[in-house]
């Protein structure tokens, strides 16, 4: 038995959809299906009726759903309790942050936070979106900082996790300085002379955001793939070297844009706004985390209309 089998099962029980649950769990549909079958093999009975569409839980699956949720909640609570007895050296709060936010957004945000709240001993764990989300889900960090967009939400059980919106980040297309005035490098480009394109790898969150921008555009973009990387910083380096157009979060190129080293390619229709959210596990009772979270809640309430609700 593996804990992720139970979490997969509970996600599937909630969504009723392998595709939605696979996205929530950050795995492929075949991998999710294999894990559900592994759970059924361990239980000795099927938990899913695959003869219907959408799939439904069997009677055994319905009976198992409550105990499975209880097991998952108890295990996570026990882990949080154990971690509370063994704090990180120096009482540092552990942040799990995707690479792009770690390079750009996080340092500036932490600086503003310290100016208001005081020193915050911090340890940063940077990784891809899947890894940092799983770090919070598995109790490996105190706080998760990540992007959120309605078309590709990062799913975390609201009964267990609490979140705050810290701000927004706009993704848009940029071209190198030498191409700033060249109409051939302005989106959508042309079929005769497609724009050299620097693209995110297929398993990255920002790739999904860029695909959303391109899918929603009123006319197709004419792009010729030149380079692909999972790292926004790598695409930025290639952009600055003049190799092509790249879609980047605005904070990642703020200084370069101000210095005129890059220019925007295309207007508002070729951009997308994401939220930047911070999450914590409600079962994590570290005093340092509780004080910081209360400060963030109070600040969010002060900055919103009286009827607004800061938590997400």
Protein backbone atom coordinates (compact mmCIF):
# COMPACT_ATOMS: atom_id res chain seq x y z
CA UNK A 1 0.00 0.00 0.00
CA UNK A 2 1.23 3.50 -0.85
CA UNK A 3 -0.21 6.77 0.41
CA UNK A 4 -0.38 8.20 -3.11
CA UNK A 5 -2.77 5.38 -4.10
CA UNK A 6 -5.23 6.58 -1.47
CA UNK A 7 -4.81 10.21 -2.52
CA UNK A 8 -5.35 9.24 -6.17
CA UNK A 9 -8.49 7.32 -5.22
CA UNK A 10 -9.92 10.23 -3.21
CA UNK A 11 -9.23 12.66 -6.05
CA UNK A 12 -10.97 10.34 -8.53
CA UNK A 13 -13.90 9.87 -6.16
CA UNK A 14 -14.32 13.67 -6.04
CA UNK A 15 -13.89 14.48 -9.73
CA UNK A 16 -15.29 11.36 -11.38
CA UNK A 17 -12.81 12.00 -14.18
CA UNK A 18 -9.45 10.36 -14.87
CA UNK A 19 -8.31 13.39 -16.89
CA UNK A 20 -9.17 15.93 -14.19
CA UNK A 21 -7.72 13.78 -11.41
CA UNK A 22 -4.54 13.17 -13.41
CA UNK A 23 -4.13 16.94 -13.77
CA UNK A 24 -4.81 17.51 -10.08
CA UNK A 25 -2.33 14.80 -9.10
CA UNK A 26 0.27 15.94 -11.68
CA UNK A 27 0.56 12.53 -13.32
CA UNK A 28 -0.41 11.09 -16.68
CA UNK A 29 -3.75 9.33 -17.08
CA UNK A 30 -2.08 5.93 -17.68
CA UNK A 31 -0.03 6.35 -14.50
CA UNK A 32 -3.15 7.26 -12.51
CA UNK A 33 -5.00 4.27 -13.92
CA UNK A 34 -2.13 1.94 -12.97
CA UNK A 35 -2.12 3.25 -9.41
CA UNK A 36 -5.88 2.80 -9.05
CA UNK A 37 -5.54 -0.78 -10.28
CA UNK A 38 -2.71 -1.32 -7.81
CA UNK A 39 -5.00 -0.12 -5.01
CA UNK A 40 -7.73 -2.49 -6.21
CA UNK A 41 -5.23 -5.36 -6.27
CA UNK A 42 -4.22 -4.57 -2.69
CA UNK A 43 -7.86 -4.34 -1.54
CA UNK A 44 -8.89 -7.43 -3.48
CA UNK A 45 -12.03 -5.72 -4.86
CA UNK A 46 -12.68 -3.11 -7.60
CA UNK A 47 -13.34 0.40 -6.35
CA UNK A 48 -14.35 1.79 -9.74
CA UNK A 49 -17.14 0.75 -12.09
CA UNK A 50 -15.53 1.17 -15.51
CA UNK A 51 -18.60 0.00 -17.43
CA UNK A 52 -20.23 3.44 -17.12
CA UNK A 53 -19.24 6.88 -18.34
CA UNK A 54 -18.31 8.84 -16.41
CA UNK A 55 -16.89 6.16 -14.15
CA UNK A 56 -18.53 5.67 -10.77
CA UNK A 57 -17.43 4.13 -7.52
CA UNK A 58 -18.52 0.61 -6.82
CA UNK A 59 -20.28 -0.21 -3.57
CA UNK A 60 -16.89 -1.27 -2.21
CA UNK A 61 -15.38 2.01 -3.38
CA UNK A 62 -18.11 4.02 -1.64
CA UNK A 63 -17.56 2.03 1.55
CA UNK A 64 -13.79 2.56 1.36
CA UNK A 65 -13.93 6.33 0.65
CA UNK A 66 -14.53 7.45 4.24
CA UNK A 67 -11.85 5.27 5.86
CA UNK A 68 -9.38 6.22 3.11
CA UNK A 69 -9.91 9.94 3.78
CA UNK A 70 -9.49 9.34 7.51
CA UNK A 71 -6.22 7.44 6.96
CA UNK A 72 -4.80 10.18 4.75
CA UNK A 73 -5.77 12.94 7.17
CA UNK A 74 -4.36 11.07 10.17
CA UNK A 75 -1.06 10.35 8.44
CA UNK A 76 -0.56 13.95 7.39
CA UNK A 77 -1.51 15.22 10.85
CA UNK A 78 0.93 12.76 12.44
CA UNK A 79 3.72 13.87 10.13
CA UNK A 80 3.05 17.54 10.85
CA UNK A 81 3.10 16.80 14.58
CA UNK A 82 6.39 14.94 14.28
CA UNK A 83 7.92 17.78 12.26
CA UNK A 84 6.78 20.21 14.93
CA UNK A 85 8.90 18.29 17.44
CA UNK A 86 11.95 18.52 15.15
CA UNK A 87 12.10 22.07 13.78
CA UNK A 88 14.48 23.02 11.01
CA UNK A 89 17.79 24.39 12.25
CA UNK A 90 17.41 28.02 13.27
CA UNK A 91 13.61 27.72 13.21
CA UNK A 92 13.69 28.55 9.50
CA UNK A 93 10.44 28.34 7.58
CA UNK A 94 10.77 26.08 4.56
CA UNK A 95 9.32 27.51 1.33
CA UNK A 96 8.74 25.27 -1.69
CA UNK A 97 8.82 27.47 -4.79
CA UNK A 98 8.85 26.82 -8.56
CA UNK A 99 12.11 27.88 -10.22
CA UNK A 100 10.63 30.89 -12.02
CA UNK A 101 9.13 32.39 -8.86
CA UNK A 102 12.31 31.58 -6.93
CA UNK A 103 14.41 33.71 -9.28
CA UNK A 104 12.13 36.73 -9.66
CA UNK A 105 9.04 37.10 -7.49
CA UNK A 106 10.15 35.48 -4.25
CA UNK A 107 13.24 37.62 -3.40
CA UNK A 108 11.34 40.90 -3.86
CA UNK A 109 8.28 39.65 -1.97
CA UNK A 110 10.38 38.36 0.92
CA UNK A 111 12.16 41.72 1.14
CA UNK A 112 8.84 43.56 1.46
CA UNK A 113 7.62 41.03 4.02
CA UNK A 114 10.70 41.49 6.20
CA UNK A 115 10.26 45.27 6.12
CA UNK A 116 6.79 44.84 7.62
CA UNK A 117 7.06 41.73 9.74
CA UNK A 118 10.71 41.54 10.73
CA UNK A 119 13.29 38.86 10.04
CA UNK A 120 11.97 35.59 8.65
CA UNK A 121 14.60 32.81 8.76
CA UNK A 122 13.99 31.00 5.52
CA UNK A 123 15.08 27.91 3.65
CA UNK A 124 14.13 27.71 -0.01
CA UNK A 125 13.34 24.50 -1.88
CA UNK A 126 13.15 25.25 -5.61
CA UNK A 127 11.79 22.75 -8.11
CA UNK A 128 9.21 22.21 -10.80
CA UNK A 129 5.53 22.79 -10.01
CA UNK A 130 4.78 19.10 -9.50
CA UNK A 131 7.64 18.63 -7.04
CA UNK A 132 6.88 21.70 -4.93
CA UNK A 133 3.16 20.91 -4.74
CA UNK A 134 3.97 17.37 -3.68
CA UNK A 135 6.41 18.73 -1.11
CA UNK A 136 3.58 20.55 0.65
CA UNK A 137 1.20 17.59 0.26
CA UNK A 138 3.78 15.23 1.78
CA UNK A 139 4.77 17.55 4.63
CA UNK A 140 8.20 18.43 3.27
CA UNK A 141 7.79 22.21 3.59
CA UNK A 142 5.91 24.81 5.59
CA UNK A 143 4.71 27.00 2.74
CA UNK A 144 4.11 26.57 -0.96
CA UNK A 145 4.37 29.51 -3.35
CA UNK A 146 2.96 28.84 -6.80
CA UNK A 147 1.07 30.20 -9.77
CA UNK A 148 -2.66 29.72 -10.25
CA UNK A 149 -4.84 30.17 -13.32
CA UNK A 150 -8.46 28.99 -13.74
CA UNK A 151 -7.59 27.08 -16.92
CA UNK A 152 -4.92 25.06 -15.09
CA UNK A 153 -5.52 25.28 -11.32
CA UNK A 154 -3.15 23.73 -8.82
CA UNK A 155 -5.56 21.56 -6.85
CA UNK A 156 -5.14 21.32 -3.10
CA UNK A 157 -7.90 20.07 -0.83
CA UNK A 158 -9.38 23.22 0.81
CA UNK A 159 -10.36 21.18 3.84
CA UNK A 160 -6.69 20.56 4.50
CA UNK A 161 -4.87 23.48 2.88
CA UNK A 162 -5.38 27.21 3.28
CA UNK A 163 -4.28 29.72 0.66
CA UNK A 164 -3.77 33.42 0.09
CA UNK A 165 -3.41 35.40 -3.11
CA UNK A 166 -0.24 37.50 -2.87
CA UNK A 167 -0.60 39.26 -6.19
CA UNK A 168 -0.72 38.73 -9.93
CA UNK A 169 1.86 38.04 -12.60
CA UNK A 170 1.43 38.66 -16.33
CA UNK A 171 2.94 36.36 -18.92
CA UNK A 172 3.61 37.98 -22.27
CA UNK A 173 5.81 37.71 -25.32
CA UNK A 174 9.20 39.44 -25.46
CA UNK A 175 11.75 39.87 -28.22
CA UNK A 176 15.43 40.90 -28.00
CA UNK A 177 16.45 44.56 -28.25
CA UNK A 178 17.71 44.23 -31.82
CA UNK A 179 14.25 43.13 -32.97
CA UNK A 180 12.19 45.68 -31.05
CA UNK A 181 11.29 47.73 -34.12
CA UNK A 182 11.08 44.87 -36.58
CA UNK A 183 7.42 44.26 -37.58
CA UNK A 184 8.31 40.73 -38.70
CA UNK A 185 8.96 39.86 -35.04
CA UNK A 186 5.58 41.14 -33.83
CA UNK A 187 2.87 38.59 -33.16
CA UNK A 188 1.19 36.89 -34.90
CA UNK A 189 4.07 36.82 -37.41
CA UNK A 190 3.55 35.49 -40.91
CA UNK A 191 3.49 32.10 -42.59
CA UNK A 192 6.18 33.28 -45.02
CA UNK A 193 8.56 34.36 -42.25
CA UNK A 194 7.63 32.74 -38.90
CA UNK A 195 9.15 34.21 -35.74
CA UNK A 196 11.95 32.17 -34.10
CA UNK A 197 10.39 30.71 -30.96
CA UNK A 198 11.86 29.79 -27.58
CA UNK A 199 9.47 27.36 -25.91
CA UNK A 200 8.96 25.74 -22.50
CA UNK A 201 9.21 21.98 -22.16
CA UNK A 202 5.99 19.93 -22.41
CA UNK A 203 5.65 19.15 -18.68
CA UNK A 204 5.95 22.70 -17.34
CA UNK A 205 3.24 24.92 -15.91
CA UNK A 206 4.31 27.91 -18.01
CA UNK A 207 4.06 25.79 -21.16
CA UNK A 208 0.38 25.33 -20.31
CA UNK A 209 -0.02 29.07 -19.84
CA UNK A 210 1.63 29.84 -23.19
CA UNK A 211 -0.49 27.20 -24.93
CA UNK A 212 -3.57 28.86 -23.39
CA UNK A 213 -2.49 32.25 -24.78
CA UNK A 214 -1.92 30.81 -28.25
CA UNK A 215 -5.16 28.80 -28.21
CA UNK A 216 -7.21 31.86 -27.23
CA UNK A 217 -5.65 34.19 -29.80
CA UNK A 218 -8.00 35.53 -32.47
CA UNK A 219 -5.56 34.47 -35.20
CA UNK A 220 -2.88 31.76 -35.29
CA UNK A 221 0.68 32.64 -34.35
CA UNK A 222 3.36 31.80 -36.90
CA UNK A 223 6.29 30.54 -34.85
CA UNK A 224 9.34 28.45 -35.77
CA UNK A 225 10.66 26.46 -32.81
CA UNK A 226 14.36 27.18 -32.19
CA UNK A 227 14.94 26.09 -28.61
CA UNK A 228 13.11 24.35 -25.76
CA UNK A 229 13.80 24.32 -22.02
CA UNK A 230 11.91 23.70 -18.79
CA UNK A 231 13.59 26.74 -17.20
CA UNK A 232 12.33 30.29 -17.73
CA UNK A 233 15.82 31.58 -16.89
CA UNK A 234 17.24 29.51 -19.75
CA UNK A 235 14.69 30.94 -22.19
CA UNK A 236 15.50 34.40 -20.89
CA UNK A 237 19.22 33.88 -21.53
CA UNK A 238 18.49 32.74 -25.08
CA UNK A 239 16.17 35.72 -25.58
CA UNK A 240 18.86 38.17 -24.43
CA UNK A 241 21.33 36.49 -26.79
CA UNK A 242 18.99 37.24 -29.68
CA UNK A 243 17.84 33.72 -30.51
CA UNK A 244 14.10 34.27 -30.60
CA UNK A 245 10.82 35.30 -29.00
CA UNK A 246 9.92 33.98 -25.55
CA UNK A 247 6.87 34.20 -23.31
CA UNK A 248 8.01 35.13 -19.81
CA UNK A 249 6.47 36.35 -16.54
CA UNK A 250 6.89 40.12 -16.36
CA UNK A 251 8.87 39.97 -13.10
CA UNK A 252 11.48 37.75 -14.77
CA UNK A 253 12.47 40.48 -17.24
CA UNK A 254 11.46 43.67 -15.38
CA UNK A 255 15.02 45.04 -15.21
CA UNK A 256 15.83 44.05 -18.78
CA UNK A 257 12.64 45.72 -20.03
CA UNK A 258 13.45 48.90 -18.11
CA UNK A 259 16.98 48.95 -19.59
CA UNK A 260 15.64 48.41 -23.09
CA UNK A 261 17.28 45.01 -23.51
CA UNK A 262 13.97 43.37 -24.43
CA UNK A 263 10.70 44.63 -25.88
CA UNK A 264 7.10 43.43 -25.79
CA UNK A 265 5.91 41.63 -28.93
CA UNK A 266 2.16 41.85 -29.43
CA UNK A 267 -0.49 43.52 -27.33
CA UNK A 268 -2.81 42.42 -24.54
CA UNK A 269 -4.42 39.54 -26.52
CA UNK A 270 -1.02 37.83 -26.49
CA UNK A 271 -0.75 37.87 -22.70
CA UNK A 272 -2.29 36.16 -19.69
CA UNK A 273 -2.57 37.07 -16.01
CA UNK A 274 -1.93 34.50 -13.28
CA UNK A 275 -2.33 34.73 -9.53
CA UNK A 276 0.61 34.10 -7.23
CA UNK A 277 -0.66 32.11 -4.26
CA UNK A 278 0.80 31.02 -0.95
CA UNK A 279 -0.46 27.82 0.73
CA UNK A 280 -0.01 26.15 4.08
CA UNK A 281 -1.20 22.91 5.65
CA UNK A 282 -3.76 23.68 8.37
CA UNK A 283 -2.34 20.82 10.44
CA UNK A 284 1.11 22.46 10.62
CA UNK A 285 1.12 24.06 14.07
CA UNK A 286 4.61 25.59 14.13
CA UNK A 287 4.37 28.87 16.09
CA UNK A 288 6.60 30.72 13.62
CA UNK A 289 4.30 29.76 10.79
CA UNK A 290 1.16 30.70 12.72
CA UNK A 291 2.50 34.19 13.46
CA UNK A 292 3.55 34.80 9.87
CA UNK A 293 0.28 33.49 8.47
CA UNK A 294 -1.76 35.71 10.78
CA UNK A 295 0.27 38.72 9.66
CA UNK A 296 -0.42 37.86 6.02
CA UNK A 297 -4.12 37.39 6.74
CA UNK A 298 -4.33 40.75 8.49
CA UNK A 299 -2.51 42.49 5.65
CA UNK A 300 -4.78 40.86 3.06
CA UNK A 301 -7.89 41.99 4.96
CA UNK A 302 -6.61 45.57 5.13
CA UNK A 303 -5.99 45.66 1.40
CA UNK A 304 -9.40 44.33 0.35
CA UNK A 305 -12.94 45.71 0.46
CA UNK A 306 -14.86 44.99 3.65
CA UNK A 307 -16.89 42.22 2.00
CA UNK A 308 -13.83 40.57 0.42
CA UNK A 309 -12.42 37.27 1.60
CA UNK A 310 -8.62 36.94 1.42
CA UNK A 311 -8.41 33.16 1.71
CA UNK A 312 -8.66 30.99 -1.39
